[in-house]
């Protein structure tokens, strides 16, 4: 039961970091000139690429950090700061954050997979969890669950935008940003605590 709750908690955090609701308007804007069926194929393909990228960072992150001689406390503190900045951008978006330049061609990897889903925040987070001694089964299960939820939301992006409207999506993203603020501050404080204890 405890393992299941841990997976759910991590999955919720990872879903926030992937920010599927906030990405809905961007996905709609980038894919709007393509047929609906092709849009779904592209979204699933880009989400698979994003998942593979995230898993690579999870598996190789610990070795990379060891090679760079970066301590877990440093990762937690810097990760908390990065998450806090991302959360602030979710709560207070600028015009630049919401503008998408459509190039008139089918997107591949950039920007839908990287950096919209597999962005610096989620990649930093999985590198942190690779250092925190979590069971790999728990982290990978949480990532898979978060990925599944994010994929379902993005596949339904056109429908969601019609139902929620731009204001509804903005409200959801700001709420997610607030929750992410709490998570980032907790991560930062844990890093500070571990730094002084060590």
N, C-alpha and C. Protein backbone atom coordinates (compact mmCIF):
# COMPACT_ATOMS: atom_id res chain seq x y z
N UNK A 1 0.83 -1.21 0.00
CA UNK A 1 0.00 0.00 0.00
C UNK A 1 0.86 1.26 0.00
N UNK A 2 1.92 1.23 0.83
CA UNK A 2 2.82 2.38 0.91
C UNK A 2 3.54 2.61 -0.41
N UNK A 3 3.93 1.50 -1.06
CA UNK A 3 4.59 1.61 -2.37
C UNK A 3 3.65 2.24 -3.40
N UNK A 4 2.39 1.82 -3.37
CA UNK A 4 1.40 2.36 -4.31
C UNK A 4 1.20 3.85 -4.09
N UNK A 5 1.13 4.28 -2.83
CA UNK A 5 0.95 5.70 -2.52
C UNK A 5 2.17 6.51 -2.96
N UNK A 6 3.36 5.93 -2.79
CA UNK A 6 4.58 6.60 -3.22
C UNK A 6 4.59 6.79 -4.74
N UNK A 7 4.17 5.74 -5.46
CA UNK A 7 4.09 5.82 -6.93
C UNK A 7 3.11 6.91 -7.34
N UNK A 8 1.94 6.96 -6.68
CA UNK A 8 0.94 7.98 -7.01
C UNK A 8 1.46 9.39 -6.74
N UNK A 9 2.15 9.55 -5.60
CA UNK A 9 2.70 10.87 -5.24
C UNK A 9 3.73 11.33 -6.26
N UNK A 10 4.65 10.42 -6.60
CA UNK A 10 5.68 10.75 -7.60
C UNK A 10 5.05 11.01 -8.97
N UNK A 11 4.07 10.19 -9.32
CA UNK A 11 3.41 10.35 -10.63
C UNK A 11 2.72 11.71 -10.72
N UNK A 12 2.12 12.14 -9.63
CA UNK A 12 1.47 13.46 -9.62
C UNK A 12 2.51 14.56 -9.84
N UNK A 13 3.65 14.44 -9.14
CA UNK A 13 4.72 15.43 -9.31
C UNK A 13 5.25 15.44 -10.73
N UNK A 14 5.48 14.25 -11.29
CA UNK A 14 6.01 14.16 -12.66
C UNK A 14 5.01 14.71 -13.67
N UNK A 15 3.72 14.49 -13.43
CA UNK A 15 2.71 15.02 -14.34
C UNK A 15 2.73 16.54 -14.33
N UNK A 16 2.87 17.12 -13.14
CA UNK A 16 2.98 18.58 -13.04
C UNK A 16 4.19 19.09 -13.82
N UNK A 17 5.30 18.36 -13.72
CA UNK A 17 6.53 18.79 -14.39
C UNK A 17 6.42 18.65 -15.91
N UNK A 18 5.69 17.65 -16.37
CA UNK A 18 5.47 17.51 -17.83
C UNK A 18 4.49 18.57 -18.34
N UNK A 19 3.66 19.09 -17.45
CA UNK A 19 2.73 20.19 -17.73
C UNK A 19 1.87 19.94 -18.96
N UNK A 20 1.13 18.82 -19.01
CA UNK A 20 0.31 18.54 -20.20
C UNK A 20 -0.80 19.57 -20.42
N UNK A 21 -1.43 20.04 -19.33
CA UNK A 21 -2.52 21.02 -19.48
C UNK A 21 -1.98 22.32 -20.05
N UNK A 22 -0.84 22.77 -19.54
CA UNK A 22 -0.24 24.00 -20.05
C UNK A 22 0.22 23.88 -21.49
N UNK A 23 0.53 22.64 -21.91
CA UNK A 23 1.00 22.42 -23.28
C UNK A 23 -0.13 22.28 -24.30
N UNK A 24 -1.36 22.13 -23.82
CA UNK A 24 -2.50 21.93 -24.73
C UNK A 24 -2.59 23.02 -25.80
N UNK A 25 -2.58 24.32 -25.43
CA UNK A 25 -2.69 25.36 -26.47
C UNK A 25 -1.54 25.33 -27.47
N UNK A 26 -0.35 24.97 -27.00
CA UNK A 26 0.82 24.94 -27.89
C UNK A 26 0.69 23.78 -28.88
N UNK A 27 0.29 22.61 -28.38
CA UNK A 27 0.09 21.46 -29.26
C UNK A 27 -0.98 21.76 -30.31
N UNK A 28 -2.06 22.39 -29.87
CA UNK A 28 -3.15 22.73 -30.80
C UNK A 28 -2.64 23.69 -31.88
N UNK A 29 -1.86 24.69 -31.47
CA UNK A 29 -1.36 25.69 -32.42
C UNK A 29 -0.38 25.08 -33.43
N UNK A 30 0.49 24.20 -32.94
CA UNK A 30 1.51 23.61 -33.82
C UNK A 30 0.91 22.61 -34.80
N UNK A 31 -0.13 21.89 -34.36
CA UNK A 31 -0.67 20.79 -35.17
C UNK A 31 -1.97 21.13 -35.90
N UNK A 32 -2.45 22.35 -35.76
CA UNK A 32 -3.80 22.68 -36.26
C UNK A 32 -3.97 22.50 -37.77
N UNK A 33 -2.89 22.59 -38.56
CA UNK A 33 -3.02 22.47 -40.00
C UNK A 33 -2.96 21.02 -40.50
N UNK A 34 -2.79 20.09 -39.56
CA UNK A 34 -2.70 18.68 -39.94
C UNK A 34 -4.04 17.97 -39.68
N UNK A 35 -4.33 16.88 -40.42
CA UNK A 35 -5.58 16.13 -40.19
C UNK A 35 -5.63 15.58 -38.76
N UNK A 36 -6.81 15.48 -38.16
CA UNK A 36 -6.94 15.01 -36.77
C UNK A 36 -6.25 13.68 -36.49
N UNK A 37 -6.39 12.71 -37.40
CA UNK A 37 -5.77 11.40 -37.17
C UNK A 37 -4.24 11.51 -37.18
N UNK A 38 -3.72 12.33 -38.08
CA UNK A 38 -2.26 12.53 -38.13
C UNK A 38 -1.78 13.24 -36.88
N UNK A 39 -2.59 14.16 -36.36
CA UNK A 39 -2.24 14.86 -35.12
C UNK A 39 -2.02 13.86 -33.98
N UNK A 40 -2.93 12.89 -33.87
CA UNK A 40 -2.81 11.91 -32.79
C UNK A 40 -1.58 11.04 -32.94
N UNK A 41 -1.28 10.65 -34.18
CA UNK A 41 -0.07 9.84 -34.45
C UNK A 41 1.17 10.62 -34.02
N UNK A 42 1.22 11.90 -34.39
CA UNK A 42 2.39 12.74 -34.06
C UNK A 42 2.51 12.91 -32.54
N UNK A 43 1.39 13.16 -31.87
CA UNK A 43 1.43 13.35 -30.42
C UNK A 43 1.97 12.10 -29.73
N UNK A 44 1.46 10.92 -30.12
CA UNK A 44 1.94 9.67 -29.50
C UNK A 44 3.42 9.46 -29.80
N UNK A 45 3.84 9.72 -31.05
CA UNK A 45 5.26 9.57 -31.41
C UNK A 45 6.14 10.50 -30.58
N UNK A 46 5.73 11.75 -30.47
CA UNK A 46 6.53 12.73 -29.71
C UNK A 46 6.56 12.39 -28.22
N UNK A 47 5.46 11.86 -27.69
CA UNK A 47 5.43 11.47 -26.29
C UNK A 47 6.33 10.27 -26.02
N UNK A 48 6.41 9.34 -26.97
CA UNK A 48 7.32 8.20 -26.83
C UNK A 48 8.77 8.69 -26.81
N UNK A 49 9.10 9.62 -27.71
CA UNK A 49 10.45 10.19 -27.75
C UNK A 49 10.75 10.90 -26.42
N UNK A 50 9.79 11.63 -25.90
CA UNK A 50 9.97 12.33 -24.63
C UNK A 50 10.23 11.34 -23.50
N UNK A 51 9.45 10.24 -23.46
CA UNK A 51 9.62 9.24 -22.41
C UNK A 51 11.00 8.59 -22.48
N UNK A 52 11.44 8.24 -23.68
CA UNK A 52 12.77 7.63 -23.84
C UNK A 52 13.85 8.60 -23.35
N UNK A 53 13.72 9.88 -23.68
CA UNK A 53 14.69 10.89 -23.24
C UNK A 53 14.72 10.99 -21.72
N UNK A 54 13.55 11.01 -21.10
CA UNK A 54 13.47 11.11 -19.63
C UNK A 54 14.11 9.89 -18.98
N UNK A 55 13.82 8.70 -19.50
CA UNK A 55 14.38 7.46 -18.93
C UNK A 55 15.90 7.43 -19.08
N UNK A 56 16.41 7.92 -20.22
CA UNK A 56 17.87 7.98 -20.41
C UNK A 56 18.52 8.87 -19.35
N UNK A 57 17.89 10.01 -19.08
CA UNK A 57 18.42 10.90 -18.05
C UNK A 57 18.32 10.26 -16.67
N UNK A 58 17.28 9.47 -16.44
CA UNK A 58 17.16 8.79 -15.14
C UNK A 58 18.26 7.75 -14.97
N UNK A 59 18.48 6.93 -16.00
CA UNK A 59 19.47 5.87 -15.90
C UNK A 59 20.92 6.38 -15.93
N UNK A 60 21.17 7.41 -16.72
CA UNK A 60 22.53 7.92 -16.86
C UNK A 60 22.82 9.11 -15.95
N UNK A 61 21.78 9.65 -15.34
CA UNK A 61 21.94 10.86 -14.53
C UNK A 61 22.91 10.69 -13.38
N UNK A 62 22.80 9.57 -12.65
CA UNK A 62 23.65 9.36 -11.49
C UNK A 62 25.12 9.29 -11.89
N UNK A 63 25.41 8.60 -12.98
CA UNK A 63 26.80 8.49 -13.45
C UNK A 63 27.33 9.85 -13.90
N UNK A 64 26.47 10.61 -14.56
CA UNK A 64 26.87 11.94 -15.01
C UNK A 64 27.18 12.85 -13.83
N UNK A 65 26.34 12.78 -12.81
CA UNK A 65 26.56 13.62 -11.63
C UNK A 65 27.82 13.20 -10.88
N UNK A 66 28.07 11.88 -10.82
CA UNK A 66 29.29 11.40 -10.18
C UNK A 66 30.52 11.87 -10.95
N UNK A 67 30.43 11.84 -12.27
CA UNK A 67 31.56 12.29 -13.10
C UNK A 67 31.83 13.78 -12.89
N UNK A 68 30.75 14.54 -12.67
CA UNK A 68 30.89 15.98 -12.44
C UNK A 68 31.19 16.32 -10.98
N UNK A 69 31.18 15.27 -10.11
CA UNK A 69 31.41 15.43 -8.67
C UNK A 69 30.40 16.39 -8.03
N UNK A 70 29.14 16.21 -8.42
CA UNK A 70 28.05 17.02 -7.87
C UNK A 70 27.36 16.21 -6.78
N UNK A 71 27.18 16.80 -5.60
CA UNK A 71 26.57 16.11 -4.47
C UNK A 71 25.04 16.11 -4.58
N UNK A 72 24.38 15.14 -3.92
CA UNK A 72 22.91 15.11 -3.93
C UNK A 72 22.29 16.39 -3.35
N UNK A 73 22.96 16.99 -2.34
CA UNK A 73 22.43 18.21 -1.74
C UNK A 73 22.41 19.35 -2.77
N UNK A 74 23.47 19.44 -3.56
CA UNK A 74 23.54 20.47 -4.59
C UNK A 74 22.43 20.29 -5.61
N UNK A 75 22.18 19.02 -5.99
CA UNK A 75 21.13 18.72 -6.96
C UNK A 75 19.77 19.10 -6.41
N UNK A 76 19.53 18.78 -5.13
CA UNK A 76 18.23 19.10 -4.55
C UNK A 76 18.01 20.61 -4.48
N UNK A 77 19.03 21.35 -4.05
CA UNK A 77 18.90 22.81 -3.92
C UNK A 77 18.70 23.44 -5.30
N UNK A 78 19.55 23.07 -6.26
CA UNK A 78 19.43 23.65 -7.60
C UNK A 78 18.13 23.20 -8.28
N UNK A 79 17.73 21.94 -8.05
CA UNK A 79 16.47 21.46 -8.60
C UNK A 79 15.28 22.22 -8.05
N UNK A 80 15.33 22.50 -6.74
CA UNK A 80 14.27 23.29 -6.12
C UNK A 80 14.17 24.69 -6.71
N UNK A 81 15.33 25.30 -6.96
CA UNK A 81 15.35 26.65 -7.55
C UNK A 81 14.77 26.63 -8.96
N UNK A 82 15.19 25.63 -9.76
CA UNK A 82 14.69 25.52 -11.14
C UNK A 82 13.17 25.31 -11.14
N UNK A 83 12.72 24.40 -10.29
CA UNK A 83 11.28 24.13 -10.22
C UNK A 83 10.50 25.38 -9.80
N UNK A 84 11.09 26.14 -8.88
CA UNK A 84 10.42 27.36 -8.40
C UNK A 84 10.28 28.37 -9.55
N UNK A 85 11.34 28.51 -10.35
CA UNK A 85 11.30 29.44 -11.48
C UNK A 85 10.25 29.00 -12.50
N UNK A 86 10.22 27.68 -12.79
CA UNK A 86 9.23 27.15 -13.73
C UNK A 86 7.82 27.36 -13.19
N UNK A 87 7.64 27.14 -11.87
CA UNK A 87 6.32 27.33 -11.26
C UNK A 87 5.87 28.78 -11.38
N UNK A 88 6.80 29.72 -11.17
CA UNK A 88 6.46 31.14 -11.29
C UNK A 88 6.04 31.47 -12.73
N UNK A 89 6.71 30.85 -13.70
CA UNK A 89 6.35 31.09 -15.11
C UNK A 89 4.99 30.50 -15.44
N UNK A 90 4.63 29.40 -14.74
CA UNK A 90 3.30 28.82 -14.95
C UNK A 90 2.22 29.72 -14.35
N UNK A 91 2.53 30.34 -13.21
CA UNK A 91 1.55 31.20 -12.53
C UNK A 91 1.47 32.57 -13.21
N UNK A 92 2.64 33.08 -13.61
CA UNK A 92 2.71 34.41 -14.24
C UNK A 92 3.35 34.30 -15.62
N UNK A 93 2.65 33.71 -16.60
CA UNK A 93 3.25 33.55 -17.94
C UNK A 93 3.43 34.89 -18.64
N UNK A 94 4.48 34.96 -19.46
CA UNK A 94 4.71 36.15 -20.28
C UNK A 94 4.22 35.87 -21.69
N UNK A 95 4.14 36.90 -22.48
CA UNK A 95 3.70 36.73 -23.87
C UNK A 95 4.63 35.80 -24.62
N UNK A 96 5.93 35.85 -24.30
CA UNK A 96 6.92 35.02 -24.98
C UNK A 96 6.69 33.54 -24.69
N UNK A 97 6.25 33.23 -23.43
CA UNK A 97 6.03 31.85 -23.06
C UNK A 97 4.88 31.22 -23.82
N UNK A 98 3.88 32.01 -24.19
CA UNK A 98 2.68 31.47 -24.81
C UNK A 98 2.68 31.60 -26.33
N UNK A 99 3.74 32.20 -26.89
CA UNK A 99 3.80 32.39 -28.34
C UNK A 99 4.46 31.19 -29.00
N UNK A 100 3.84 30.69 -30.05
CA UNK A 100 4.39 29.56 -30.78
C UNK A 100 4.61 29.97 -32.22
N UNK A 101 5.79 29.70 -32.70
CA UNK A 101 6.07 30.00 -34.11
C UNK A 101 5.87 28.73 -34.92
N UNK A 102 4.90 28.74 -35.80
CA UNK A 102 4.61 27.56 -36.62
C UNK A 102 5.34 27.68 -37.94
N UNK A 103 6.13 26.66 -38.27
CA UNK A 103 6.98 26.72 -39.45
C UNK A 103 6.34 26.10 -40.68
N UNK A 104 5.11 25.59 -40.54
CA UNK A 104 4.41 25.04 -41.69
C UNK A 104 4.84 23.64 -42.05
N UNK A 105 5.59 22.95 -41.21
CA UNK A 105 6.00 21.59 -41.49
C UNK A 105 5.71 20.72 -40.27
N UNK A 106 5.67 19.42 -40.49
CA UNK A 106 5.36 18.50 -39.39
C UNK A 106 6.47 18.52 -38.35
N UNK A 107 6.13 18.77 -37.09
CA UNK A 107 7.17 18.85 -36.05
C UNK A 107 7.76 17.47 -35.76
N UNK A 108 9.04 17.46 -35.43
CA UNK A 108 9.71 16.21 -35.07
C UNK A 108 10.69 16.50 -33.94
N UNK A 109 10.47 15.91 -32.80
CA UNK A 109 11.27 16.03 -31.57
C UNK A 109 11.13 17.43 -30.96
N UNK A 110 11.54 18.46 -31.72
CA UNK A 110 11.46 19.84 -31.23
C UNK A 110 10.27 20.52 -31.91
N UNK A 111 9.39 21.21 -31.20
CA UNK A 111 9.41 21.47 -29.75
C UNK A 111 8.50 20.57 -28.94
N UNK A 112 7.74 19.66 -29.60
CA UNK A 112 6.70 18.93 -28.87
C UNK A 112 7.25 17.93 -27.86
N UNK A 113 8.27 17.15 -28.25
CA UNK A 113 8.86 16.20 -27.31
C UNK A 113 9.83 16.90 -26.37
N UNK A 114 10.78 17.63 -26.98
CA UNK A 114 11.79 18.39 -26.23
C UNK A 114 11.74 19.82 -26.74
N UNK A 115 11.52 20.83 -25.93
CA UNK A 115 11.53 20.80 -24.46
C UNK A 115 10.15 20.84 -23.80
N UNK A 116 9.05 20.75 -24.58
CA UNK A 116 7.74 20.94 -23.95
C UNK A 116 7.39 19.86 -22.94
N UNK A 117 7.68 18.59 -23.25
CA UNK A 117 7.38 17.51 -22.30
C UNK A 117 8.65 17.10 -21.55
N UNK A 118 9.67 16.72 -22.29
CA UNK A 118 10.96 16.36 -21.67
C UNK A 118 11.81 17.62 -21.57
N UNK A 119 11.38 18.52 -20.72
CA UNK A 119 12.09 19.79 -20.54
C UNK A 119 13.11 19.71 -19.43
N UNK A 120 13.83 20.80 -19.19
CA UNK A 120 14.88 20.79 -18.16
C UNK A 120 14.36 20.47 -16.77
N UNK A 121 13.10 20.80 -16.48
CA UNK A 121 12.57 20.58 -15.14
C UNK A 121 12.40 19.10 -14.84
N UNK A 122 11.72 18.37 -15.73
CA UNK A 122 11.51 16.95 -15.50
C UNK A 122 12.83 16.18 -15.57
N UNK A 123 13.74 16.62 -16.45
CA UNK A 123 15.04 15.94 -16.56
C UNK A 123 15.86 16.15 -15.29
N UNK A 124 15.83 17.36 -14.75
CA UNK A 124 16.53 17.63 -13.48
C UNK A 124 15.91 16.82 -12.35
N UNK A 125 14.58 16.71 -12.36
CA UNK A 125 13.88 15.98 -11.30
C UNK A 125 14.26 14.50 -11.29
N UNK A 126 14.28 13.86 -12.47
CA UNK A 126 14.60 12.43 -12.50
C UNK A 126 16.06 12.18 -12.14
N UNK A 127 16.93 13.14 -12.46
CA UNK A 127 18.33 13.02 -12.03
C UNK A 127 18.42 13.10 -10.51
N UNK A 128 17.59 13.95 -9.90
CA UNK A 128 17.56 14.05 -8.44
C UNK A 128 17.09 12.72 -7.84
N UNK A 129 16.00 12.17 -8.39
CA UNK A 129 15.47 10.91 -7.85
C UNK A 129 16.42 9.75 -8.07
N UNK A 130 17.26 9.82 -9.09
CA UNK A 130 18.26 8.76 -9.29
C UNK A 130 19.31 8.79 -8.19
N UNK A 131 19.45 9.96 -7.52
CA UNK A 131 20.42 10.13 -6.43
C UNK A 131 19.81 9.89 -5.05
N UNK A 132 18.50 9.91 -4.95
CA UNK A 132 17.85 9.88 -3.63
C UNK A 132 17.60 8.47 -3.10
N UNK A 133 18.01 7.47 -3.84
CA UNK A 133 17.89 6.10 -3.35
C UNK A 133 16.50 5.49 -3.49
N UNK A 134 15.64 6.09 -4.31
CA UNK A 134 14.33 5.52 -4.56
C UNK A 134 14.47 4.21 -5.34
N UNK A 135 13.59 3.27 -5.06
CA UNK A 135 13.54 2.03 -5.81
C UNK A 135 13.25 2.35 -7.28
N UNK A 136 14.03 1.77 -8.19
CA UNK A 136 13.86 2.05 -9.62
C UNK A 136 12.47 1.69 -10.11
N UNK A 137 11.90 0.60 -9.56
CA UNK A 137 10.56 0.19 -9.95
C UNK A 137 9.55 1.30 -9.64
N UNK A 138 9.69 1.93 -8.46
CA UNK A 138 8.77 2.99 -8.06
C UNK A 138 8.88 4.19 -8.98
N UNK A 139 10.10 4.63 -9.26
CA UNK A 139 10.31 5.82 -10.10
C UNK A 139 9.83 5.57 -11.52
N UNK A 140 10.19 4.42 -12.09
CA UNK A 140 9.81 4.12 -13.47
C UNK A 140 8.29 3.94 -13.58
N UNK A 141 7.69 3.29 -12.58
CA UNK A 141 6.22 3.14 -12.57
C UNK A 141 5.54 4.51 -12.51
N UNK A 142 6.07 5.39 -11.66
CA UNK A 142 5.51 6.74 -11.55
C UNK A 142 5.66 7.51 -12.85
N UNK A 143 6.83 7.37 -13.49
CA UNK A 143 7.05 8.03 -14.78
C UNK A 143 6.08 7.50 -15.83
N UNK A 144 5.89 6.18 -15.85
CA UNK A 144 4.98 5.58 -16.83
C UNK A 144 3.55 6.07 -16.62
N UNK A 145 3.13 6.17 -15.35
CA UNK A 145 1.78 6.63 -15.04
C UNK A 145 1.61 8.10 -15.43
N UNK A 146 2.61 8.92 -15.09
CA UNK A 146 2.56 10.35 -15.45
C UNK A 146 2.56 10.52 -16.96
N UNK A 147 3.36 9.71 -17.64
CA UNK A 147 3.42 9.76 -19.11
C UNK A 147 2.07 9.40 -19.72
N UNK A 148 1.43 8.35 -19.17
CA UNK A 148 0.14 7.92 -19.69
C UNK A 148 -0.92 9.01 -19.53
N UNK A 149 -0.95 9.63 -18.34
CA UNK A 149 -1.91 10.72 -18.09
C UNK A 149 -1.64 11.89 -19.03
N UNK A 150 -0.36 12.26 -19.17
CA UNK A 150 0.01 13.38 -20.04
C UNK A 150 -0.36 13.09 -21.49
N UNK A 151 -0.11 11.86 -21.93
CA UNK A 151 -0.43 11.48 -23.31
C UNK A 151 -1.93 11.55 -23.57
N UNK A 152 -2.73 11.05 -22.63
CA UNK A 152 -4.19 11.09 -22.79
C UNK A 152 -4.69 12.54 -22.87
N UNK A 153 -4.11 13.41 -22.03
CA UNK A 153 -4.52 14.82 -22.04
C UNK A 153 -4.16 15.46 -23.37
N UNK A 154 -2.94 15.21 -23.85
CA UNK A 154 -2.49 15.86 -25.09
C UNK A 154 -3.17 15.29 -26.33
N UNK A 155 -3.48 13.99 -26.33
CA UNK A 155 -4.22 13.40 -27.45
C UNK A 155 -5.61 14.03 -27.53
N UNK A 156 -6.14 14.42 -26.37
CA UNK A 156 -7.47 15.07 -26.31
C UNK A 156 -7.37 16.59 -26.34
N UNK A 157 -6.22 17.11 -26.75
CA UNK A 157 -5.95 18.56 -26.63
C UNK A 157 -6.98 19.43 -27.35
N UNK A 158 -7.36 19.05 -28.57
CA UNK A 158 -8.35 19.85 -29.32
C UNK A 158 -9.68 19.87 -28.59
N UNK A 159 -10.09 18.70 -28.10
CA UNK A 159 -11.36 18.59 -27.36
C UNK A 159 -11.30 19.39 -26.06
N UNK A 160 -10.18 19.28 -25.34
CA UNK A 160 -10.04 19.99 -24.07
C UNK A 160 -10.07 21.51 -24.26
N UNK A 161 -9.41 21.97 -25.33
CA UNK A 161 -9.41 23.41 -25.57
C UNK A 161 -10.83 23.92 -25.85
N UNK A 162 -11.63 23.11 -26.54
CA UNK A 162 -13.01 23.52 -26.81
C UNK A 162 -13.85 23.53 -25.53
N UNK A 163 -13.62 22.53 -24.67
CA UNK A 163 -14.40 22.41 -23.43
C UNK A 163 -14.00 23.47 -22.41
N UNK A 164 -12.69 23.56 -22.14
CA UNK A 164 -12.22 24.46 -21.09
C UNK A 164 -12.07 25.91 -21.57
N UNK A 165 -11.74 26.07 -22.84
CA UNK A 165 -11.45 27.41 -23.34
C UNK A 165 -10.08 27.87 -22.85
N UNK A 166 -9.61 28.96 -23.39
CA UNK A 166 -8.27 29.45 -23.01
C UNK A 166 -8.21 29.85 -21.54
N UNK A 167 -9.30 30.43 -21.03
CA UNK A 167 -9.31 30.84 -19.62
C UNK A 167 -9.27 29.63 -18.69
N UNK A 168 -10.00 28.59 -19.04
CA UNK A 168 -10.01 27.37 -18.23
C UNK A 168 -8.65 26.71 -18.19
N UNK A 169 -7.99 26.64 -19.34
CA UNK A 169 -6.65 26.05 -19.41
C UNK A 169 -5.66 26.88 -18.61
N UNK A 170 -5.77 28.21 -18.73
CA UNK A 170 -4.88 29.11 -17.97
C UNK A 170 -5.08 28.91 -16.48
N UNK A 171 -6.34 28.78 -16.05
CA UNK A 171 -6.63 28.59 -14.62
C UNK A 171 -6.04 27.28 -14.11
N UNK A 172 -6.18 26.21 -14.91
CA UNK A 172 -5.62 24.91 -14.53
C UNK A 172 -4.10 24.97 -14.42
N UNK A 173 -3.47 25.64 -15.39
CA UNK A 173 -2.02 25.73 -15.39
C UNK A 173 -1.53 26.52 -14.18
N UNK A 174 -2.23 27.58 -13.82
CA UNK A 174 -1.82 28.37 -12.66
C UNK A 174 -2.00 27.60 -11.36
N UNK A 175 -3.05 26.80 -11.29
CA UNK A 175 -3.24 25.95 -10.11
C UNK A 175 -2.11 24.94 -10.01
N UNK A 176 -1.74 24.33 -11.14
CA UNK A 176 -0.63 23.37 -11.16
C UNK A 176 0.68 24.07 -10.79
N UNK A 177 0.83 25.32 -11.23
CA UNK A 177 2.02 26.09 -10.89
C UNK A 177 2.12 26.34 -9.39
N UNK A 178 0.97 26.59 -8.74
CA UNK A 178 0.96 26.80 -7.30
C UNK A 178 1.41 25.54 -6.55
N UNK A 179 0.87 24.38 -6.98
CA UNK A 179 1.25 23.12 -6.35
C UNK A 179 2.74 22.85 -6.57
N UNK A 180 3.22 23.14 -7.78
CA UNK A 180 4.64 22.95 -8.08
C UNK A 180 5.52 23.87 -7.24
N UNK A 181 5.01 25.06 -6.90
CA UNK A 181 5.75 25.96 -6.01
C UNK A 181 5.98 25.31 -4.66
N UNK A 182 4.95 24.67 -4.12
CA UNK A 182 5.07 23.99 -2.83
C UNK A 182 6.10 22.86 -2.90
N UNK A 183 6.05 22.08 -4.00
CA UNK A 183 6.98 20.97 -4.17
C UNK A 183 8.42 21.49 -4.28
N UNK A 184 8.61 22.57 -5.03
CA UNK A 184 9.95 23.12 -5.24
C UNK A 184 10.54 23.65 -3.93
N UNK A 185 9.73 24.32 -3.13
CA UNK A 185 10.21 24.85 -1.86
C UNK A 185 10.57 23.72 -0.90
N UNK A 186 9.76 22.66 -0.90
CA UNK A 186 10.06 21.51 -0.05
C UNK A 186 11.38 20.87 -0.47
N UNK A 187 11.59 20.73 -1.77
CA UNK A 187 12.84 20.17 -2.28
C UNK A 187 14.03 21.04 -1.90
N UNK A 188 13.88 22.35 -2.02
CA UNK A 188 14.95 23.29 -1.66
C UNK A 188 15.29 23.19 -0.18
N UNK A 189 14.26 23.16 0.68
CA UNK A 189 14.48 23.10 2.13
C UNK A 189 15.13 21.78 2.54
N UNK A 190 14.74 20.68 1.88
CA UNK A 190 15.36 19.38 2.17
C UNK A 190 16.84 19.40 1.79
N UNK A 191 17.15 20.04 0.66
CA UNK A 191 18.54 20.15 0.24
C UNK A 191 19.37 20.95 1.23
N UNK A 192 18.82 22.07 1.71
CA UNK A 192 19.51 22.90 2.71
C UNK A 192 19.74 22.10 3.99
N UNK A 193 18.70 21.38 4.42
CA UNK A 193 18.80 20.57 5.65
C UNK A 193 19.89 19.52 5.52
N UNK A 194 19.90 18.79 4.38
CA UNK A 194 20.92 17.77 4.17
C UNK A 194 22.32 18.37 4.08
N UNK A 195 22.41 19.56 3.52
CA UNK A 195 23.72 20.24 3.41
C UNK A 195 24.30 20.52 4.79
N UNK A 196 23.48 21.03 5.70
CA UNK A 196 23.97 21.35 7.04
C UNK A 196 24.22 20.09 7.87
N UNK A 197 23.43 19.04 7.63
CA UNK A 197 23.64 17.79 8.36
C UNK A 197 24.92 17.08 7.93
N UNK A 198 25.28 17.28 6.65
CA UNK A 198 26.49 16.62 6.14
C UNK A 198 27.74 17.42 6.43
